[in-house]
Amino acid sequence: MLDLAYETPQPKVIAGAKYDWELVIGMEVHAQVSSKAKLFSGASTKFGAEPNSNVAFVDAAMPGMLPVINEFCVEQAVRTGLGLKAEIHLKSAFDRKNYFYPDLPQGYQISQLYEPIVGEGEILVDMAPGVARLVRVERIHLEQDAGKSIHDMDPNMSFVDLNRTGVALMEIVSRPDIRGPEEAAAYVVKLRQILRYLGTCDGNMQNGNLRADVNVSVCRAGQYEKYMETQDFSHLGTRCEIKNMNSMRFIQQAIDYEARRQIKILEEGGEIVQETRLYDPDKGETRSMRSKEEAHDYRYFPDPDLMPLEIEQSWVDDIAASLPELPDAKRARFMSDYGLTEYDASVLTAEVQNASYFEDVATGRDGKIAANWVINELFGRLKKDGDKDISESPVSPAQLGGIIDLIAADTISGKIAKDLFEIVYTEGGDPAEIVEARGMKQVTDTGAIETALDEIIAANPAQVEKARENPKLAGWFVGQVMKATGGKANPKAVNDLVQAKLGG
């Protein structure tokens, strides 16, 4: 939506028994850095490995083992910050967050509280064509992930898998700018899209590579505007955090339930207790996990094993120069260069592979026609065929482009093209060669079309009279000619001849 005006959506309003309430939502998204090695060790980050097989001595907290920063993970964090138009801090530092982690052997997490590597940025969250919410990003910091506790393998014991221990995470913290459940889900979708374009996180929520903590509060109308004027959080309600959300649908359901829970408490004269909660999708409700800790509860202090991280501006500039074209810019370009609607451009840029496929098809051809074939025919067929990814498409851009070329040259009609597409999708082959070999060329010889039409007119005198009285009925003759020619007649030529013979 670059250089385009957009409307800001209205906040979600929930009617309580006494008052109307507005939602205020902030997000803390944990994105696993796309890196083959962990943040402070050379251990593999490969998903699905045997339990406790991707563990270095540092990850296991063996005595005397010291962390060593992974430069590539730092580069990925910087790249992410640049992609979110954020401030890059040339000096940052790591801190120890002290907390009992049964699956983090050190007994503390190495994170960044006081001096994060990335400062303030922004994300434009698209809600509908011409409607978007600008969400401010407060910070991005690097930290190590914890392992995984397993409680369902034995009735008496729990097990620990340390494979994720020490994996690099970027915690992307937003301001409380999100105003509804749908916006919250859309925010995660947009952030995931940007990360995938940048190549800094694969966004696989099923594997836990992207998960969100959702902070929810409610306030009366007008209070949020006071907060925006003053940045004073006292104007907003007490927030509760819903931990580890990894589904867009569950994010929306959890926010809706939590907001209504808080409204009920407030309207009954109670107070909201700041706490961390979990969402139970089976019951459709949130439940208390623990009281919400503040920074002082974790006894943060600078990690003595890691020097402050200092990077050069020239290094940051080199990373910035290598950034790919990002979704908003690509969408705007597709609209400008190919004459697409905002909706079509959004669909085609949702995934970087989809956008690349479309451009390969559209280059040198009509952009709107190319978009229609990619979105309606190809995407529709892939969805029907088990919701396949574009990388699994049996039709290459060259093949789809070849079909479009045959339409443009009047070699085949739109109807024949759909039959041809199905042949190419299921059997493969060169579209032009298939058309030639199977006799699929459309009939453009007006003499042959006229002969077929004359025979139909002669055999149906009553229908001719009706069509002359009501021109709308002339379409029946068009259909009969198409049927008589096996769908190969040029539709425009048929229409012109029918009008010439019956219209006057």
Protein backbone atom coordinates (compact mmCIF):
# COMPACT_ATOMS: atom_id res chain seq x y z
CA MET A 1 0.00 0.00 0.00
CA LEU A 2 2.98 2.27 -0.60
CA ASP A 3 2.03 5.79 -1.67
CA LEU A 4 -1.64 4.88 -1.29
CA ALA A 5 -4.11 6.46 1.10
CA TYR A 6 -5.79 4.05 3.48
CA GLU A 7 -8.47 4.23 6.13
CA THR A 8 -7.81 3.11 9.69
CA PRO A 9 -10.30 0.44 10.83
CA GLN A 10 -12.62 1.17 13.73
CA PRO A 11 -11.74 -0.53 17.03
CA LYS A 12 -13.61 -3.65 18.01
CA VAL A 13 -16.44 -2.75 20.39
CA ILE A 14 -17.97 -5.34 22.71
CA ALA A 15 -21.26 -4.56 24.40
CA GLY A 16 -21.26 -5.43 28.08
CA ALA A 17 -24.32 -5.58 30.33
CA LYS A 18 -23.78 -1.93 31.32
CA TYR A 19 -21.33 -0.31 28.90
CA ASP A 20 -19.62 -0.59 25.56
CA TRP A 21 -15.95 -1.60 25.77
CA GLU A 22 -13.03 -1.34 23.36
CA LEU A 23 -10.16 -3.80 22.98
CA VAL A 24 -6.48 -2.91 23.28
CA ILE A 25 -3.99 -5.56 22.21
CA GLY A 26 -0.21 -5.80 22.11
CA MET A 27 1.78 -8.72 20.72
CA GLU A 28 5.08 -10.34 21.57
CA VAL A 29 5.96 -12.63 18.67
CA HIS A 30 8.78 -15.14 19.07
CA ALA A 31 10.27 -15.91 15.66
CA GLN A 32 12.92 -18.61 15.32
CA VAL A 33 15.85 -17.25 13.37
CA SER A 34 16.50 -19.13 10.13
CA SER A 35 19.99 -20.39 10.88
CA LYS A 36 21.65 -23.81 10.69
CA ALA A 37 23.34 -23.28 14.05
CA LYS A 38 22.14 -22.05 17.44
CA LEU A 39 22.64 -18.58 18.90
CA PHE A 40 25.62 -19.41 21.13
CA SER A 41 26.80 -22.82 19.87
CA GLY A 42 27.42 -24.71 16.65
CA ALA A 43 24.74 -27.32 17.37
CA SER A 44 22.24 -27.99 14.58
CA THR A 45 18.77 -26.45 14.58
CA LYS A 46 17.29 -29.14 12.30
CA PHE A 47 13.68 -29.90 13.20
CA GLY A 48 12.59 -33.46 13.88
CA ALA A 49 15.97 -34.83 14.98
CA GLU A 50 16.17 -37.55 17.61
CA PRO A 51 15.61 -36.09 21.12
CA ASN A 52 18.75 -34.59 22.66
CA SER A 53 20.83 -35.15 19.52
CA ASN A 54 21.26 -31.46 18.63
CA VAL A 55 22.96 -30.46 21.88
CA ALA A 56 26.41 -28.91 22.31
CA PHE A 57 28.29 -28.68 25.62
CA VAL A 58 27.25 -25.04 25.95
CA ASP A 59 23.57 -25.95 25.48
CA ALA A 60 23.88 -28.62 28.19
CA ALA A 61 25.54 -26.07 30.54
CA MET A 62 28.62 -28.19 31.05
CA PRO A 63 31.10 -26.57 33.49
CA GLY A 64 33.53 -24.15 31.90
CA MET A 65 31.62 -23.87 28.60
CA LEU A 66 31.21 -20.29 27.39
CA PRO A 67 28.71 -18.93 24.83
CA VAL A 68 30.01 -17.57 21.51
CA ILE A 69 27.68 -15.34 19.49
CA ASN A 70 26.56 -16.60 16.08
CA GLU A 71 27.24 -13.70 13.70
CA PHE A 72 24.70 -14.93 11.15
CA CYS A 73 21.92 -14.76 13.76
CA VAL A 74 22.89 -11.15 14.44
CA GLU A 75 22.77 -10.43 10.72
CA GLN A 76 19.29 -11.98 10.51
CA ALA A 77 18.05 -9.79 13.37
CA VAL A 78 19.45 -6.68 11.66
CA ARG A 79 17.86 -7.74 8.37
CA THR A 80 14.51 -8.14 10.14
CA GLY A 81 14.81 -4.73 11.73
CA LEU A 82 15.56 -3.10 8.39
CA GLY A 83 12.58 -4.90 6.86
CA LEU A 84 10.34 -3.36 9.53
CA LYS A 85 11.80 0.13 8.96
CA ALA A 86 13.25 -0.02 12.46
CA GLU A 87 16.19 1.66 14.14
CA ILE A 88 19.28 -0.56 14.27
CA HIS A 89 21.35 -0.17 17.43
CA LEU A 90 25.06 -0.32 16.65
CA LYS A 91 25.68 -1.26 20.26
CA SER A 92 23.57 -3.79 22.14
CA ALA A 93 24.12 -6.16 25.05
CA PHE A 94 22.95 -9.47 26.45
CA ASP A 95 21.44 -10.01 29.88
CA ARG A 96 20.64 -12.99 32.03
CA LYS A 97 16.97 -13.56 32.80
CA ASN A 98 16.87 -15.66 35.93
CA TYR A 99 13.95 -18.03 36.13
CA PHE A 100 13.40 -21.72 36.78
CA TYR A 101 13.48 -23.40 33.41
CA PRO A 102 13.33 -27.20 33.78
CA ASP A 103 14.32 -27.49 30.12
CA LEU A 104 17.07 -24.84 30.06
CA PRO A 105 20.09 -26.34 31.86
CA GLN A 106 21.78 -23.03 32.75
CA GLY A 107 18.84 -22.09 34.95
CA TYR A 108 18.68 -18.71 33.18
CA GLN A 109 17.94 -17.42 29.71
CA ILE A 110 20.34 -15.19 27.78
CA SER A 111 18.22 -12.34 26.39
CA GLN A 112 18.37 -8.57 25.81
CA LEU A 113 16.41 -6.34 28.18
CA TYR A 114 18.24 -3.06 28.52
CA GLU A 115 19.96 -2.72 25.14
CA PRO A 116 18.13 -4.61 22.36
CA ILE A 117 19.67 -4.89 18.92
CA VAL A 118 16.66 -3.32 17.16
CA GLY A 119 14.59 -0.33 18.24
CA GLU A 120 11.31 1.17 17.01
CA GLY A 121 9.79 0.14 13.69
CA GLU A 122 6.36 -0.34 12.13
CA ILE A 123 4.14 -2.80 10.30
CA LEU A 124 1.23 -1.87 8.04
CA VAL A 125 -1.48 -4.46 8.68
CA ASP A 126 -3.89 -4.86 5.77
CA MET A 127 -7.50 -5.51 6.78
CA ALA A 128 -9.29 -4.98 3.45
CA PRO A 129 -8.59 -3.10 0.20
CA GLY A 130 -7.98 0.49 1.24
CA VAL A 131 -8.18 -0.31 4.98
CA ALA A 132 -5.09 -0.86 7.13
CA ARG A 133 -3.77 -0.42 10.66
CA LEU A 134 -0.26 0.94 11.28
CA VAL A 135 1.16 -0.99 14.23
CA ARG A 136 4.27 0.34 15.93
CA VAL A 137 7.02 -2.11 16.82
CA GLU A 138 8.68 -1.20 20.10
CA ARG A 139 11.77 -3.41 19.84
CA ILE A 140 13.29 -6.64 18.59
CA HIS A 141 15.73 -8.49 20.77
CA LEU A 142 17.69 -11.71 20.39
CA GLU A 143 17.38 -14.49 22.94
CA GLN A 144 17.84 -18.23 23.26
CA ASP A 145 14.92 -20.63 23.25
CA ALA A 146 14.30 -23.19 25.98
CA GLY A 147 13.95 -26.92 25.43
CA LYS A 148 10.80 -29.00 25.58
CA SER A 149 9.30 -30.81 28.55
CA ILE A 150 7.31 -33.94 27.71
CA HIS A 151 4.69 -35.07 30.22
CA ASP A 152 2.59 -37.62 28.33
CA MET A 153 5.05 -40.48 27.80
CA ASP A 154 4.93 -41.90 31.33
CA PRO A 155 2.39 -41.54 34.16
CA ASN A 156 5.09 -40.98 36.77
CA MET A 157 7.89 -39.17 34.99
CA SER A 158 8.50 -36.18 32.73
CA PHE A 159 11.15 -36.12 30.02
CA VAL A 160 13.21 -33.27 28.61
CA ASP A 161 14.33 -32.76 25.01
CA LEU A 162 17.10 -30.16 24.77
CA ASN A 163 17.19 -29.93 20.96
CA ARG A 164 15.55 -26.49 20.96
CA THR A 165 17.67 -25.26 23.86
CA GLY A 166 19.78 -22.35 22.67
CA VAL A 167 18.03 -21.94 19.32
CA ALA A 168 18.03 -18.26 18.32
CA LEU A 169 14.77 -16.37 18.71
CA MET A 170 13.84 -12.85 17.75
CA GLU A 171 11.24 -11.46 20.13
CA ILE A 172 9.30 -8.82 18.20
CA VAL A 173 7.36 -6.61 20.61
CA SER A 174 4.56 -4.36 19.37
CA ARG A 175 2.97 -1.35 20.99
CA PRO A 176 -0.64 -1.79 22.14
CA ASP A 177 -1.91 -0.54 18.78
CA ILE A 178 -4.03 -3.53 17.74
CA ARG A 179 -7.75 -3.02 18.32
CA GLY A 180 -9.50 -6.31 17.64
CA PRO A 181 -9.14 -10.11 17.28
CA GLU A 182 -9.14 -9.98 13.48
CA GLU A 183 -6.44 -7.30 13.51
CA ALA A 184 -4.31 -9.41 15.86
CA ALA A 185 -4.44 -12.38 13.51
CA ALA A 186 -3.82 -10.13 10.50
CA TYR A 187 -0.80 -8.62 12.30
CA VAL A 188 0.76 -12.05 12.77
CA VAL A 189 -0.02 -12.95 9.13
CA LYS A 190 1.65 -9.75 7.87
CA LEU A 191 4.67 -10.14 10.15
CA ARG A 192 5.06 -13.76 9.07
CA GLN A 193 4.85 -12.67 5.42
CA ILE A 194 7.60 -10.07 5.86
CA LEU A 195 9.87 -12.52 7.72
CA ARG A 196 9.44 -15.11 4.96
CA TYR A 197 10.23 -12.52 2.26
CA LEU A 198 13.35 -11.54 4.20
CA GLY A 199 14.34 -15.17 4.77
CA THR A 200 14.90 -14.55 8.48
CA CYS A 201 12.23 -16.96 9.78
CA ASP A 202 10.30 -19.67 7.96
CA GLY A 203 7.15 -18.80 9.93
CA ASN A 204 6.22 -22.46 10.49
CA MET A 205 3.76 -22.17 13.37
CA GLN A 206 3.09 -25.90 13.46
CA ASN A 207 6.73 -26.59 14.34
CA GLY A 208 6.76 -23.77 16.91
CA ASN A 209 9.01 -21.56 14.79
CA LEU A 210 6.59 -18.66 15.14
CA ARG A 211 4.44 -18.21 18.22
CA ALA A 212 2.77 -15.25 19.85
CA ASP A 213 2.08 -14.00 23.35
CA VAL A 214 -1.02 -11.82 23.24
CA ASN A 215 -1.59 -9.02 25.77
CA VAL A 216 -5.29 -8.16 26.09
CA SER A 217 -7.04 -5.38 27.98
CA VAL A 218 -10.31 -3.49 27.67
CA CYS A 219 -11.16 0.16 28.16
CA ARG A 220 -14.08 2.55 27.78
CA ALA A 221 -14.48 4.66 24.65
CA GLY A 222 -12.12 7.64 24.59
CA GLN A 223 -9.53 6.15 26.94
CA TYR A 224 -7.32 4.83 24.15
CA GLU A 225 -7.20 8.27 22.54
CA LYS A 226 -6.00 9.71 25.86
CA TYR A 227 -3.28 7.06 25.98
CA MET A 228 -2.17 7.95 22.44
CA GLU A 229 -1.98 11.63 23.36
CA THR A 230 0.03 11.06 26.55
CA GLN A 231 1.53 7.55 26.15
CA ASP A 232 0.35 7.09 29.74
CA PHE A 233 -0.68 3.47 30.27
CA SER A 234 -2.87 4.41 33.23
CA HIS A 235 -5.59 5.34 30.72
CA LEU A 236 -5.75 1.71 29.60
CA GLY A 237 -7.05 -1.31 31.46
CA THR A 238 -4.91 -3.92 33.22
CA ARG A 239 -3.63 -6.41 30.68
CA CYS A 240 -3.45 -10.17 30.80
CA GLU A 241 -1.04 -12.14 28.66
CA ILE A 242 -2.17 -15.21 26.73
CA LYS A 243 0.92 -17.35 26.24
CA ASN A 244 2.26 -19.37 23.28
CA MET A 245 -0.42 -18.97 20.62
CA ASN A 246 0.40 -20.72 17.34
CA SER A 247 -2.87 -20.54 15.39
CA MET A 248 -4.56 -17.53 13.81
CA ARG A 249 -7.99 -18.97 14.62
CA PHE A 250 -7.10 -19.65 18.24
CA ILE A 251 -5.60 -16.16 18.61
CA GLN A 252 -8.95 -14.64 17.64
CA GLN A 253 -10.96 -16.99 19.84
CA ALA A 254 -8.69 -16.44 22.85
CA ILE A 255 -8.83 -12.64 22.55
CA ASP A 256 -12.62 -12.63 22.25
CA TYR A 257 -13.04 -14.88 25.30
CA GLU A 258 -10.48 -13.00 27.39
CA ALA A 259 -12.02 -9.61 26.60
CA ARG A 260 -15.48 -10.79 27.61
CA ARG A 261 -14.06 -12.34 30.79
CA GLN A 262 -12.46 -9.05 31.75
CA ILE A 263 -15.61 -7.04 30.92
CA LYS A 264 -17.73 -9.27 33.14
CA ILE A 265 -15.33 -8.85 36.07
CA LEU A 266 -15.18 -5.06 35.66
CA GLU A 267 -18.95 -4.62 35.34
CA GLU A 268 -19.45 -6.67 38.49
CA GLY A 269 -17.19 -4.28 40.39
CA GLY A 270 -14.08 -6.45 40.39
CA GLU A 271 -10.51 -5.72 39.34
CA ILE A 272 -8.41 -7.37 36.69
CA VAL A 273 -5.35 -9.13 38.05
CA GLN A 274 -2.33 -8.89 35.77
CA GLU A 275 -1.39 -12.48 35.01
CA THR A 276 -0.24 -14.94 32.38
CA ARG A 277 -2.97 -17.18 31.01
CA LEU A 278 -3.23 -20.14 28.65
CA TYR A 279 -5.92 -20.75 26.04
CA ASP A 280 -7.70 -24.10 26.02
CA PRO A 281 -9.08 -24.57 22.47
CA ASP A 282 -11.14 -27.59 23.52
CA LYS A 283 -13.04 -25.58 26.12
CA GLY A 284 -12.76 -22.29 24.23
CA GLU A 285 -11.55 -20.43 27.32
CA THR A 286 -8.44 -18.97 28.92
CA ARG A 287 -7.21 -20.12 32.33
CA SER A 288 -4.70 -18.72 34.77
CA MET A 289 -1.13 -19.99 34.42
CA ARG A 290 0.78 -17.75 36.83
CA SER A 291 0.86 -14.21 38.13
CA LYS A 292 2.45 -11.86 35.61
CA GLU A 293 6.08 -11.19 36.44
CA GLU A 294 7.71 -7.82 35.94
CA ALA A 295 11.32 -7.31 34.90
CA HIS A 296 12.53 -7.08 38.50
CA ASP A 297 11.09 -10.53 39.24
CA TYR A 298 13.59 -12.06 36.82
CA ARG A 299 16.60 -10.34 38.46
CA TYR A 300 18.08 -9.30 35.12
CA PHE A 301 21.77 -8.43 35.03
CA PRO A 302 24.35 -8.12 32.21
CA ASP A 303 25.66 -11.50 31.13
CA PRO A 304 29.30 -11.60 32.32
CA ASP A 305 30.27 -14.16 29.65
CA LEU A 306 29.34 -11.96 26.69
CA MET A 307 30.88 -8.61 25.78
CA PRO A 308 28.56 -5.86 24.50
CA LEU A 309 27.76 -6.43 20.84
CA GLU A 310 29.11 -3.67 18.59
CA ILE A 311 28.45 -3.60 14.86
CA GLU A 312 29.60 -1.26 12.10
CA GLN A 313 27.22 1.04 10.21
CA SER A 314 28.87 -0.05 6.95
CA TRP A 315 27.89 -3.66 7.74
CA VAL A 316 24.30 -2.58 8.35
CA ASP A 317 24.36 -0.63 5.06
CA ASP A 318 25.54 -3.73 3.19
CA ILE A 319 22.66 -5.75 4.65
CA ALA A 320 20.20 -3.00 3.73
CA ALA A 321 21.49 -3.01 0.14
CA SER A 322 20.80 -6.75 -0.11
CA LEU A 323 17.18 -6.60 1.08
CA PRO A 324 14.63 -8.08 -1.32
CA GLU A 325 11.56 -6.23 -2.53
CA LEU A 326 9.12 -6.51 0.37
CA PRO A 327 5.37 -7.28 0.20
CA ASP A 328 4.00 -3.73 0.33
CA ALA A 329 6.38 -2.49 -2.36
CA LYS A 330 5.76 -5.55 -4.52
CA ARG A 331 1.99 -5.17 -4.22
CA ALA A 332 2.17 -1.51 -5.19
CA ARG A 333 4.37 -2.36 -8.17
CA PHE A 334 2.05 -5.13 -9.35
CA MET A 335 -0.85 -2.67 -9.26
CA SER A 336 1.16 -0.06 -11.16
CA ASP A 337 2.99 -2.25 -13.68
CA TYR A 338 0.34 -4.86 -14.39
CA GLY A 339 -2.86 -2.88 -13.76
CA LEU A 340 -4.04 -5.26 -11.04
CA THR A 341 -6.64 -4.53 -8.38
CA GLU A 342 -5.35 -4.24 -4.82
CA TYR A 343 -7.10 -7.50 -3.99
CA ASP A 344 -5.48 -9.47 -6.82
CA ALA A 345 -2.08 -7.94 -6.08
CA SER A 346 -2.45 -8.90 -2.41
CA VAL A 347 -3.32 -12.50 -3.28
CA LEU A 348 -0.35 -12.79 -5.63
CA THR A 349 2.14 -11.29 -3.16
CA ALA A 350 0.95 -13.25 -0.12
CA GLU A 351 3.89 -15.62 -0.61
CA VAL A 352 7.13 -14.69 -2.33
CA GLN A 353 7.02 -17.90 -4.44
CA ASN A 354 3.53 -17.01 -5.69
CA ALA A 355 4.68 -13.53 -6.69
CA SER A 356 7.70 -14.91 -8.52
CA TYR A 357 5.54 -17.44 -10.40
CA PHE A 358 3.10 -14.74 -11.45
CA GLU A 359 5.84 -12.45 -12.73
CA ASP A 360 7.30 -15.26 -14.82
CA VAL A 361 3.86 -15.78 -16.38
CA ALA A 362 3.03 -12.08 -16.78
CA THR A 363 6.30 -10.90 -18.31
CA GLY A 364 5.57 -9.83 -21.89
CA ARG A 365 1.86 -10.66 -21.54
CA ASP A 366 -1.33 -8.97 -20.34
CA GLY A 367 -0.97 -8.71 -16.56
CA LYS A 368 -4.67 -8.89 -15.77
CA ILE A 369 -5.18 -12.01 -17.88
CA ALA A 370 -2.09 -13.61 -16.32
CA ALA A 371 -3.40 -12.79 -12.84
CA ASN A 372 -6.79 -14.32 -13.60
CA TRP A 373 -5.23 -17.55 -14.79
CA VAL A 374 -2.82 -17.81 -11.86
CA ILE A 375 -5.40 -16.97 -9.19
CA ASN A 376 -8.55 -18.60 -10.54
CA GLU A 377 -7.32 -21.57 -12.53
CA LEU A 378 -3.96 -22.52 -11.02
CA PHE A 379 -4.54 -21.61 -7.35
CA GLY A 380 -8.06 -23.02 -7.56
CA ARG A 381 -6.78 -26.31 -9.00
CA LEU A 382 -3.97 -26.57 -6.44
CA LYS A 383 -6.45 -26.03 -3.62
CA LYS A 384 -8.77 -28.68 -5.04
CA ASP A 385 -5.82 -31.05 -5.31
CA GLY A 386 -5.16 -31.17 -1.56
CA ASP A 387 -4.25 -27.51 -0.98
CA LYS A 388 -0.90 -27.88 -2.70
CA ASP A 389 1.82 -25.26 -2.53
CA ILE A 390 2.91 -23.37 -5.66
CA SER A 391 6.23 -25.24 -5.50
CA GLU A 392 4.25 -28.45 -6.12
CA SER A 393 2.48 -27.09 -9.20
CA PRO A 394 2.70 -29.51 -12.14
CA VAL A 395 2.18 -26.54 -14.47
CA SER A 396 5.27 -24.39 -14.94
CA PRO A 397 5.11 -20.63 -15.60
CA ALA A 398 6.25 -21.32 -19.16
CA GLN A 399 3.40 -23.79 -19.71
CA LEU A 400 0.76 -21.46 -18.29
CA GLY A 401 2.20 -18.60 -20.32
CA GLY A 402 1.99 -20.80 -23.41
CA ILE A 403 -1.74 -21.35 -22.83
CA ILE A 404 -2.29 -17.60 -22.50
CA ASP A 405 -0.32 -17.02 -25.71
CA LEU A 406 -2.58 -19.43 -27.59
CA ILE A 407 -5.65 -17.51 -26.39
CA ALA A 408 -4.09 -14.18 -27.40
CA ALA A 409 -3.33 -15.54 -30.87
CA ASP A 410 -6.97 -16.72 -31.27
CA THR A 411 -5.64 -20.24 -31.70
CA ILE A 412 -7.94 -21.48 -28.93
CA SER A 413 -10.97 -20.07 -27.14
CA GLY A 414 -11.26 -19.51 -23.42
CA LYS A 415 -13.29 -22.69 -23.05
CA ILE A 416 -10.75 -24.76 -24.97
CA ALA A 417 -8.00 -23.15 -22.86
CA LYS A 418 -9.56 -24.52 -19.67
CA ASP A 419 -9.65 -28.01 -21.18
CA LEU A 420 -6.05 -27.56 -22.29
CA PHE A 421 -5.03 -26.41 -18.81
CA GLU A 422 -6.47 -29.59 -17.31
CA ILE A 423 -4.53 -31.72 -19.80
CA VAL A 424 -1.27 -29.90 -19.03
CA TYR A 425 -1.95 -30.11 -15.27
CA THR A 426 -2.58 -33.86 -15.30
CA GLU A 427 -0.40 -35.05 -18.19
CA GLY A 428 2.19 -32.33 -18.80
CA GLY A 429 3.49 -31.38 -22.23
CA ASP A 430 3.85 -28.31 -24.42
CA PRO A 431 0.49 -26.52 -24.81
CA ALA A 432 1.04 -25.64 -28.49
CA GLU A 433 2.01 -29.20 -29.38
CA ILE A 434 -1.02 -30.61 -27.50
CA VAL A 435 -3.39 -28.28 -29.37
CA GLU A 436 -1.88 -29.30 -32.71
CA ALA A 437 -1.80 -33.02 -31.97
CA ARG A 438 -5.34 -33.21 -30.58
CA GLY A 439 -7.01 -30.89 -33.06
CA MET A 440 -8.03 -28.37 -30.42
CA LYS A 441 -7.64 -25.22 -32.53
CA GLN A 442 -10.73 -23.07 -32.60
CA VAL A 443 -12.62 -22.64 -35.87
CA THR A 444 -12.09 -19.10 -37.15
CA ASP A 445 -13.25 -19.84 -40.70
CA THR A 446 -16.48 -17.83 -40.89
CA GLY A 447 -17.61 -19.91 -43.83
CA ALA A 448 -17.60 -23.11 -41.78
CA ILE A 449 -19.30 -21.36 -38.86
CA GLU A 450 -21.93 -19.86 -41.18
CA THR A 451 -22.70 -23.28 -42.67
CA ALA A 452 -23.31 -24.72 -39.19
CA LEU A 453 -25.49 -21.74 -38.24
CA ASP A 454 -27.58 -21.96 -41.44
CA GLU A 455 -28.32 -25.63 -40.75
CA ILE A 456 -29.47 -24.82 -37.21
CA ILE A 457 -31.65 -21.90 -38.41
CA ALA A 458 -33.27 -24.07 -41.11
CA ALA A 459 -34.05 -26.82 -38.59
CA ASN A 460 -35.58 -24.46 -36.00
CA PRO A 461 -37.97 -21.96 -37.67
CA ALA A 462 -40.09 -21.49 -34.53
CA GLN A 463 -37.01 -20.60 -32.49
CA VAL A 464 -35.97 -18.14 -35.21
CA GLU A 465 -39.28 -16.25 -34.88
CA LYS A 466 -38.94 -16.10 -31.09
CA ALA A 467 -35.40 -14.77 -31.36
CA ARG A 468 -36.46 -12.07 -33.80
CA GLU A 469 -39.23 -10.99 -31.41
CA ASN A 470 -36.92 -11.17 -28.38
CA PRO A 471 -33.22 -10.64 -29.28
CA LYS A 472 -32.15 -12.01 -25.88
CA LEU A 473 -33.10 -15.48 -27.12
CA ALA A 474 -30.44 -15.31 -29.83
CA GLY A 475 -28.01 -16.76 -27.32
CA TRP A 476 -29.65 -20.14 -27.87
CA PHE A 477 -28.29 -20.19 -31.43
CA VAL A 478 -24.81 -19.28 -30.20
CA GLY A 479 -24.90 -22.25 -27.86
CA GLN A 480 -26.10 -24.59 -30.60
CA VAL A 481 -23.31 -23.52 -32.95
CA MET A 482 -20.70 -24.02 -30.23
CA LYS A 483 -22.17 -27.44 -29.54
CA ALA A 484 -22.19 -28.36 -33.24
CA THR A 485 -18.51 -27.39 -33.59
CA GLY A 486 -17.40 -29.16 -30.43
CA GLY A 487 -16.77 -25.83 -28.70
CA LYS A 488 -14.11 -24.93 -31.25
CA ALA A 489 -15.91 -22.07 -33.01
CA ASN A 490 -14.60 -18.60 -32.30
CA PRO A 491 -17.23 -17.20 -29.89
CA LYS A 492 -16.97 -13.64 -31.25
CA ALA A 493 -17.39 -14.82 -34.84
CA VAL A 494 -20.44 -16.87 -33.84
CA ASN A 495 -22.03 -13.93 -32.03
CA ASP A 496 -21.43 -11.60 -34.96
CA LEU A 497 -23.01 -14.05 -37.46
CA VAL A 498 -26.02 -14.76 -35.23
CA GLN A 499 -26.66 -11.02 -34.86
CA ALA A 500 -26.28 -10.49 -38.60
CA LYS A 501 -28.74 -13.25 -39.51
CA LEU A 502 -31.32 -12.79 -36.76
CA GLY A 503 -30.96 -9.24 -35.64
CA GLY A 504 -32.42 -7.54 -38.56
